[in-house]
């Protein structure tokens, strides 16, 4: 077994941001690396995930997931290689998925690690299309939004890790029309030409409501919301009777310092008998096996495409997170530590 390094670099939250996170809110620090205790494994992280929900964990507020602790390493999805094991069922050389990202080496309780197979898909895919974002798309569309064949579907943040999969899954299951919004002309082109969306628009180029009505003249039946704000208001206007909304994220207001106004047309929910439902992926773990089986099949056949934006080096981890919040990623934003 190779000798373990003396130290590991890890990102700590050192102060809580007000509005947009700033470099002074975090610090890249060194921590000692030790042999794992009973029932634990030591993992050399190869890739870790940065995700929009992490912005909320930087605030000291009660939520569905505890806030990051000050002067402690931040957390998040990661895949890596076991370099030392003191747990049954895990051997040196195994690849695992776990929740202690934002660091080079992770001392993980074995019961919180899952083995993954690099021969089925690249390891980074277990942080995206075969991981939490993929299950979010799958559960949010099929279980929460009760998607059915023939539905017209609108997805905001459609070039992101979740949105790009929602649109493709809807097409694979027989959507009559799939519309996406994104923040650049390049992403709009990608949605139509690569991911097979029927229409897409750049929300920065005009009112969302007008662009959505033009893209979906017959209305929509399902809205998958990753953005909130103006997008949600526009979707409520375009939804048909008995339309369904999966509210997955509201990235448009994650860095707001003042309360943001809600949709001004909520009264339409009554006459149209709309259903608006929030979702957390952890509520849908029962779908995990079905999800992996079906999505792995689509990947194998080439019917489902996915993109990753890879940032190399742990020292660039916080920049990658800021880039994600600004929409600089196409598909899943990954920080890679393989060099």
Protein backbone atom coordinates (compact mmCIF):
# COMPACT_ATOMS: atom_id res chain seq x y z
CA UNK A 1 0.00 0.00 0.00
CA UNK A 2 1.44 3.42 -0.89
CA UNK A 3 2.39 5.66 2.01
CA UNK A 4 -0.29 8.17 2.98
CA UNK A 5 0.45 11.89 2.60
CA UNK A 6 0.98 13.87 5.78
CA UNK A 7 -1.63 16.50 4.94
CA UNK A 8 -4.71 17.11 2.81
CA UNK A 9 -5.98 20.45 1.53
CA UNK A 10 -9.65 21.25 2.25
CA UNK A 11 -11.98 24.22 1.78
CA UNK A 12 -13.36 25.72 5.01
CA UNK A 13 -16.18 28.24 5.40
CA UNK A 14 -14.72 30.99 7.60
CA UNK A 15 -17.55 33.57 7.50
CA UNK A 16 -21.14 33.62 6.30
CA UNK A 17 -21.79 35.50 3.05
CA UNK A 18 -24.29 38.34 2.77
CA UNK A 19 -25.51 38.21 -0.82
CA UNK A 20 -22.95 36.79 -3.25
CA UNK A 21 -20.22 34.64 -1.64
CA UNK A 22 -16.80 36.31 -1.65
CA UNK A 23 -13.28 34.79 -1.53
CA UNK A 24 -12.85 36.06 2.04
CA UNK A 25 -15.76 33.81 3.15
CA UNK A 26 -13.64 30.70 2.57
CA UNK A 27 -10.11 29.43 3.11
CA UNK A 28 -8.10 26.56 1.62
CA UNK A 29 -6.39 24.94 4.61
CA UNK A 30 -4.22 21.92 5.33
CA UNK A 31 -5.31 19.15 7.68
CA UNK A 32 -3.43 16.05 8.87
CA UNK A 33 -4.15 12.71 7.18
CA UNK A 34 -4.41 9.72 9.52
CA UNK A 35 -5.25 6.03 9.24
CA UNK A 36 -9.03 5.43 9.36
CA UNK A 37 -10.62 4.21 12.58
CA UNK A 38 -12.89 1.20 13.05
CA UNK A 39 -15.65 1.04 10.42
CA UNK A 40 -14.10 3.85 8.37
CA UNK A 41 -12.25 4.23 5.08
CA UNK A 42 -9.80 6.83 3.80
CA UNK A 43 -10.63 8.03 0.30
CA UNK A 44 -8.47 10.01 -2.10
CA UNK A 45 -11.05 12.18 -3.81
CA UNK A 46 -10.79 12.20 -7.61
CA UNK A 47 -13.76 14.49 -8.35
CA UNK A 48 -16.10 16.53 -6.18
CA UNK A 49 -19.36 18.27 -6.95
CA UNK A 50 -20.36 21.90 -6.56
CA UNK A 51 -24.14 22.43 -6.55
CA UNK A 52 -26.55 25.36 -6.16
CA UNK A 53 -28.01 24.02 -2.88
CA UNK A 54 -24.62 24.60 -1.23
CA UNK A 55 -25.27 28.34 -1.27
CA UNK A 56 -28.10 27.82 1.22
CA UNK A 57 -25.84 25.78 3.50
CA UNK A 58 -23.55 28.79 3.84
CA UNK A 59 -26.33 30.60 5.75
CA UNK A 60 -26.89 29.94 9.43
CA UNK A 61 -30.57 29.12 9.08
CA UNK A 62 -32.64 26.07 9.90
CA UNK A 63 -33.36 24.18 6.67
CA UNK A 64 -33.81 20.69 5.26
CA UNK A 65 -30.03 20.20 5.49
CA UNK A 66 -27.80 21.55 8.29
CA UNK A 67 -25.70 24.64 7.54
CA UNK A 68 -21.97 24.35 6.94
CA UNK A 69 -20.07 24.88 10.18
CA UNK A 70 -17.56 27.73 10.38
CA UNK A 71 -13.88 26.72 10.33
CA UNK A 72 -14.81 23.21 9.26
CA UNK A 73 -14.49 21.62 5.80
CA UNK A 74 -17.52 22.07 3.58
CA UNK A 75 -19.35 18.97 2.36
CA UNK A 76 -20.81 17.68 -0.89
CA UNK A 77 -20.80 14.74 -3.25
CA UNK A 78 -17.45 13.22 -4.20
CA UNK A 79 -16.07 10.11 -5.87
CA UNK A 80 -12.68 8.70 -5.12
CA UNK A 81 -10.41 5.74 -4.53
CA UNK A 82 -10.07 3.91 -1.21
CA UNK A 83 -6.43 4.22 -0.07
CA UNK A 84 -6.85 2.70 3.41
CA UNK A 85 -9.70 0.64 4.85
CA UNK A 86 -10.71 -0.40 8.34
CA UNK A 87 -14.18 -1.55 7.28
CA UNK A 88 -15.57 -4.86 6.04
CA UNK A 89 -16.58 -4.86 2.38
CA UNK A 90 -14.20 -2.08 1.30
CA UNK A 91 -10.73 -2.77 -0.08
CA UNK A 92 -7.89 -0.51 -1.14
CA UNK A 93 -8.46 0.36 -4.79
CA UNK A 94 -12.27 0.35 -4.61
CA UNK A 95 -14.03 3.39 -6.05
CA UNK A 96 -16.72 4.97 -3.86
CA UNK A 97 -19.29 7.76 -3.86
CA UNK A 98 -19.67 9.68 -0.59
CA UNK A 99 -20.62 13.06 0.88
CA UNK A 100 -17.30 14.55 1.99
CA UNK A 101 -16.19 16.62 -0.96
CA UNK A 102 -14.31 19.95 -0.97
CA UNK A 103 -11.10 18.15 0.17
CA UNK A 104 -8.30 16.01 -1.23
CA UNK A 105 -8.58 13.13 1.27
CA UNK A 106 -11.75 12.16 3.13
CA UNK A 107 -12.06 10.00 6.26
CA UNK A 108 -15.48 8.47 5.61
CA UNK A 109 -17.74 6.31 7.75
CA UNK A 110 -18.08 3.22 5.56
CA UNK A 111 -21.86 3.02 5.93
CA UNK A 112 -22.05 6.42 4.22
CA UNK A 113 -20.06 5.28 1.17
CA UNK A 114 -21.36 3.44 -1.90
CA UNK A 115 -19.17 1.47 -4.29
CA UNK A 116 -19.34 2.60 -7.92
CA UNK A 117 -18.17 0.89 -11.08
CA UNK A 118 -15.86 2.81 -13.39
CA UNK A 119 -16.55 0.28 -16.17
CA UNK A 120 -20.25 1.25 -16.35
CA UNK A 121 -19.64 5.00 -16.67
CA UNK A 122 -16.84 7.50 -16.00
CA UNK A 123 -16.51 8.11 -12.26
CA UNK A 124 -17.55 11.76 -12.60
CA UNK A 125 -20.91 10.62 -14.02
CA UNK A 126 -21.86 9.35 -10.55
CA UNK A 127 -21.91 13.00 -9.44
CA UNK A 128 -24.15 14.02 -12.34
CA UNK A 129 -26.21 11.98 -14.77
CA UNK A 130 -26.06 8.80 -12.62
CA UNK A 131 -26.02 10.70 -9.33
CA UNK A 132 -28.04 13.23 -7.38
CA UNK A 133 -28.79 15.58 -10.34
CA UNK A 134 -29.91 12.64 -12.49
CA UNK A 135 -32.22 11.26 -9.81
CA UNK A 136 -33.56 14.79 -9.21
CA UNK A 137 -34.49 15.10 -12.89
CA UNK A 138 -36.00 11.61 -13.03
CA UNK A 139 -38.04 11.83 -9.81
CA UNK A 140 -39.03 15.45 -10.35
CA UNK A 141 -40.41 14.78 -13.81
CA UNK A 142 -41.99 11.36 -13.45
CA UNK A 143 -43.06 11.23 -9.80
CA UNK A 144 -43.54 14.85 -8.66
CA UNK A 145 -44.86 16.32 -11.94
CA UNK A 146 -46.76 13.12 -12.86
CA UNK A 147 -45.49 13.42 -16.45
CA UNK A 148 -47.52 11.53 -19.03
CA UNK A 149 -47.04 10.91 -22.74
CA UNK A 150 -48.20 13.87 -24.82
CA UNK A 151 -47.42 16.51 -22.20
CA UNK A 152 -45.76 19.76 -23.27
CA UNK A 153 -42.87 20.49 -20.89
CA UNK A 154 -41.00 23.70 -20.07
CA UNK A 155 -37.66 23.56 -18.22
CA UNK A 156 -35.81 26.57 -16.81
CA UNK A 157 -32.06 26.41 -16.28
CA UNK A 158 -32.28 23.86 -19.06
CA UNK A 159 -28.56 23.66 -19.84
CA UNK A 160 -27.65 22.80 -16.25
CA UNK A 161 -27.00 19.39 -14.73
CA UNK A 162 -30.67 18.75 -13.86
CA UNK A 163 -32.50 20.71 -16.55
CA UNK A 164 -30.64 19.20 -19.50
CA UNK A 165 -31.66 15.72 -18.32
CA UNK A 166 -35.30 16.67 -17.61
CA UNK A 167 -35.84 17.82 -21.19
CA UNK A 168 -34.25 14.73 -22.71
CA UNK A 169 -36.11 12.34 -20.40
CA UNK A 170 -39.40 14.02 -21.33
CA UNK A 171 -38.62 13.54 -25.03
CA UNK A 172 -37.67 9.89 -24.48
CA UNK A 173 -41.02 9.30 -22.75
CA UNK A 174 -43.13 10.90 -25.48
CA UNK A 175 -43.52 14.59 -24.67
CA UNK A 176 -45.42 16.46 -27.38
CA UNK A 177 -43.10 19.47 -27.03
CA UNK A 178 -40.11 20.36 -24.84
CA UNK A 179 -39.03 23.99 -24.34
CA UNK A 180 -35.98 25.17 -22.43
CA UNK A 181 -34.62 28.50 -21.25
CA UNK A 182 -30.93 29.26 -20.78
CA UNK A 183 -28.70 32.29 -20.30
CA UNK A 184 -26.68 32.36 -23.52
CA UNK A 185 -27.15 31.84 -27.24
CA UNK A 186 -24.57 29.03 -27.14
CA UNK A 187 -26.61 27.15 -24.55
CA UNK A 188 -29.83 27.71 -26.51
CA UNK A 189 -28.18 26.20 -29.58
CA UNK A 190 -26.94 23.24 -27.52
CA UNK A 191 -30.44 22.55 -26.16
CA UNK A 192 -31.95 22.28 -29.63
CA UNK A 193 -29.10 20.75 -31.62
CA UNK A 194 -27.58 18.36 -29.06
CA UNK A 195 -30.26 17.62 -26.47
CA UNK A 196 -33.21 17.53 -28.87
CA UNK A 197 -35.40 20.23 -27.31
CA UNK A 198 -38.11 21.41 -29.69
CA UNK A 199 -37.51 25.06 -28.82
CA UNK A 200 -35.32 27.13 -26.53
CA UNK A 201 -34.75 30.79 -25.76
CA UNK A 202 -32.24 33.08 -24.07
CA UNK A 203 -34.05 34.58 -21.07
CA UNK A 204 -31.66 37.56 -21.08
CA UNK A 205 -32.96 38.68 -24.49
CA UNK A 206 -36.51 39.64 -23.54
CA UNK A 207 -39.41 39.03 -21.16
CA UNK A 208 -39.66 35.33 -20.30
CA UNK A 209 -43.47 35.32 -20.58
CA UNK A 210 -43.39 36.60 -24.17
CA UNK A 211 -40.63 34.23 -25.26
CA UNK A 212 -42.36 31.27 -23.62
CA UNK A 213 -45.71 32.03 -25.30
CA UNK A 214 -43.95 32.18 -28.66
CA UNK A 215 -42.15 28.89 -28.03
CA UNK A 216 -45.30 27.15 -26.68
CA UNK A 217 -48.30 28.67 -28.48
CA UNK A 218 -50.55 25.84 -27.25
CA UNK A 219 -49.43 26.22 -23.63
CA UNK A 220 -47.55 23.82 -21.39
CA UNK A 221 -48.64 20.97 -19.13
CA UNK A 222 -45.51 20.61 -16.96
CA UNK A 223 -43.03 23.21 -15.72
CA UNK A 224 -39.78 22.05 -14.12
CA UNK A 225 -38.53 25.06 -12.15
CA UNK A 226 -34.85 25.51 -11.39
CA UNK A 227 -34.94 29.31 -11.38
CA UNK A 228 -38.05 30.80 -9.74
CA UNK A 229 -38.88 34.50 -10.04
CA UNK A 230 -39.88 35.73 -13.49
CA UNK A 231 -39.71 32.19 -14.91
CA UNK A 232 -42.29 30.85 -12.45
CA UNK A 233 -44.65 33.74 -13.16
CA UNK A 234 -44.32 33.17 -16.92
CA UNK A 235 -44.95 29.45 -16.54
CA UNK A 236 -48.11 30.01 -14.50
CA UNK A 237 -49.42 32.16 -17.37
CA UNK A 238 -48.65 29.50 -19.98
CA UNK A 239 -49.78 26.41 -18.05
CA UNK A 240 -52.87 24.63 -19.29
CA UNK A 241 -55.71 23.48 -17.02
CA UNK A 242 -54.47 20.82 -14.56
CA UNK A 243 -50.85 21.78 -15.24
CA UNK A 244 -48.18 20.62 -12.80
CA UNK A 245 -45.08 22.42 -11.54
CA UNK A 246 -42.07 20.77 -9.90
CA UNK A 247 -40.27 23.43 -7.89
CA UNK A 248 -36.74 22.08 -7.66
CA UNK A 249 -34.67 25.24 -7.26
CA UNK A 250 -34.84 29.03 -7.29
CA UNK A 251 -31.30 30.00 -8.21
CA UNK A 252 -32.47 33.47 -9.28
CA UNK A 253 -32.87 34.45 -5.62
CA UNK A 254 -30.20 32.43 -3.76
CA UNK A 255 -27.95 35.47 -3.38
CA UNK A 256 -30.69 38.04 -2.83
CA UNK A 257 -30.28 40.20 0.29
CA UNK A 258 -33.90 41.39 0.34
CA UNK A 259 -37.10 39.33 0.11
CA UNK A 260 -37.92 38.65 -3.54
CA UNK A 261 -41.47 39.18 -4.83
CA UNK A 262 -43.51 36.11 -5.61
CA UNK A 263 -45.43 35.56 -8.87
CA UNK A 264 -48.07 38.27 -9.32
CA UNK A 265 -50.45 35.90 -11.10
CA UNK A 266 -50.93 33.22 -8.44
CA UNK A 267 -54.69 33.63 -8.70
CA UNK A 268 -54.48 31.68 -11.98
CA UNK A 269 -53.66 28.58 -9.90
CA UNK A 270 -57.34 28.43 -8.88
CA UNK A 271 -59.07 28.63 -12.24
CA UNK A 272 -56.52 26.41 -13.95
CA UNK A 273 -56.48 23.94 -11.01
CA UNK A 274 -52.69 23.93 -11.09
CA UNK A 275 -50.50 21.84 -8.80
CA UNK A 276 -47.25 23.43 -7.58
CA UNK A 277 -45.07 21.07 -5.57
CA UNK A 278 -41.61 21.51 -4.08
CA UNK A 279 -39.21 18.59 -4.20
CA UNK A 280 -36.15 17.29 -2.37
CA UNK A 281 -34.31 14.42 -3.99
CA UNK A 282 -33.84 12.56 -0.69
CA UNK A 283 -37.58 11.90 -0.59
CA UNK A 284 -37.24 9.75 -3.70
CA UNK A 285 -34.45 7.32 -2.83
CA UNK A 286 -36.90 4.47 -3.42
CA UNK A 287 -36.58 5.18 -7.16
CA UNK A 288 -32.78 4.77 -7.11
CA UNK A 289 -32.59 1.25 -8.55
CA UNK A 290 -35.18 1.90 -11.27
CA UNK A 291 -33.48 5.21 -12.10
CA UNK A 292 -29.98 3.76 -12.50
CA UNK A 293 -31.26 0.85 -14.58
CA UNK A 294 -33.27 3.03 -16.97
CA UNK A 295 -30.73 5.85 -17.28
CA UNK A 296 -27.79 3.46 -17.75
CA UNK A 297 -29.77 1.93 -20.63
CA UNK A 298 -30.31 5.33 -22.23
CA UNK A 299 -26.62 6.17 -21.82
CA UNK A 300 -25.59 2.84 -23.32
CA UNK A 301 -27.82 3.33 -26.36
CA UNK A 302 -26.64 6.92 -26.82
CA UNK A 303 -30.22 8.25 -26.47
CA UNK A 304 -29.33 10.37 -23.42
CA UNK A 305 -26.49 12.88 -23.68
CA UNK A 306 -24.83 14.76 -20.89
CA UNK A 307 -22.19 17.45 -20.50
CA UNK A 308 -19.75 18.25 -17.75
CA UNK A 309 -17.86 21.45 -17.08
CA UNK A 310 -14.63 20.32 -15.41
CA UNK A 311 -12.45 22.64 -13.36
CA UNK A 312 -9.01 21.19 -12.55
CA UNK A 313 -7.39 21.52 -9.15
CA UNK A 314 -8.67 21.87 -5.61
CA UNK A 315 -7.29 25.41 -5.46
CA UNK A 316 -9.93 26.37 -8.07
CA UNK A 317 -12.83 24.75 -6.20
CA UNK A 318 -14.38 27.96 -4.89
CA UNK A 319 -14.06 29.66 -8.29
CA UNK A 320 -15.92 26.70 -9.79
CA UNK A 321 -18.73 27.20 -7.26
CA UNK A 322 -19.01 30.91 -8.08
CA UNK A 323 -19.01 30.05 -11.79
CA UNK A 324 -21.90 27.66 -11.20
CA UNK A 325 -23.93 30.35 -9.44
CA UNK A 326 -23.30 32.68 -12.39
CA UNK A 327 -24.40 30.05 -14.91
CA UNK A 328 -20.96 29.54 -16.44
CA UNK A 329 -21.39 25.75 -16.56
CA UNK A 330 -22.92 23.58 -19.24
CA UNK A 331 -24.21 20.40 -17.62
CA UNK A 332 -22.67 19.28 -14.34
CA UNK A 333 -19.96 21.40 -12.72
CA UNK A 334 -17.19 19.11 -11.49
CA UNK A 335 -13.95 19.88 -9.67
CA UNK A 336 -11.35 17.30 -10.66
CA UNK A 337 -8.36 16.38 -8.50
CA UNK A 338 -6.88 13.75 -10.80
CA UNK A 339 -3.69 15.60 -11.74
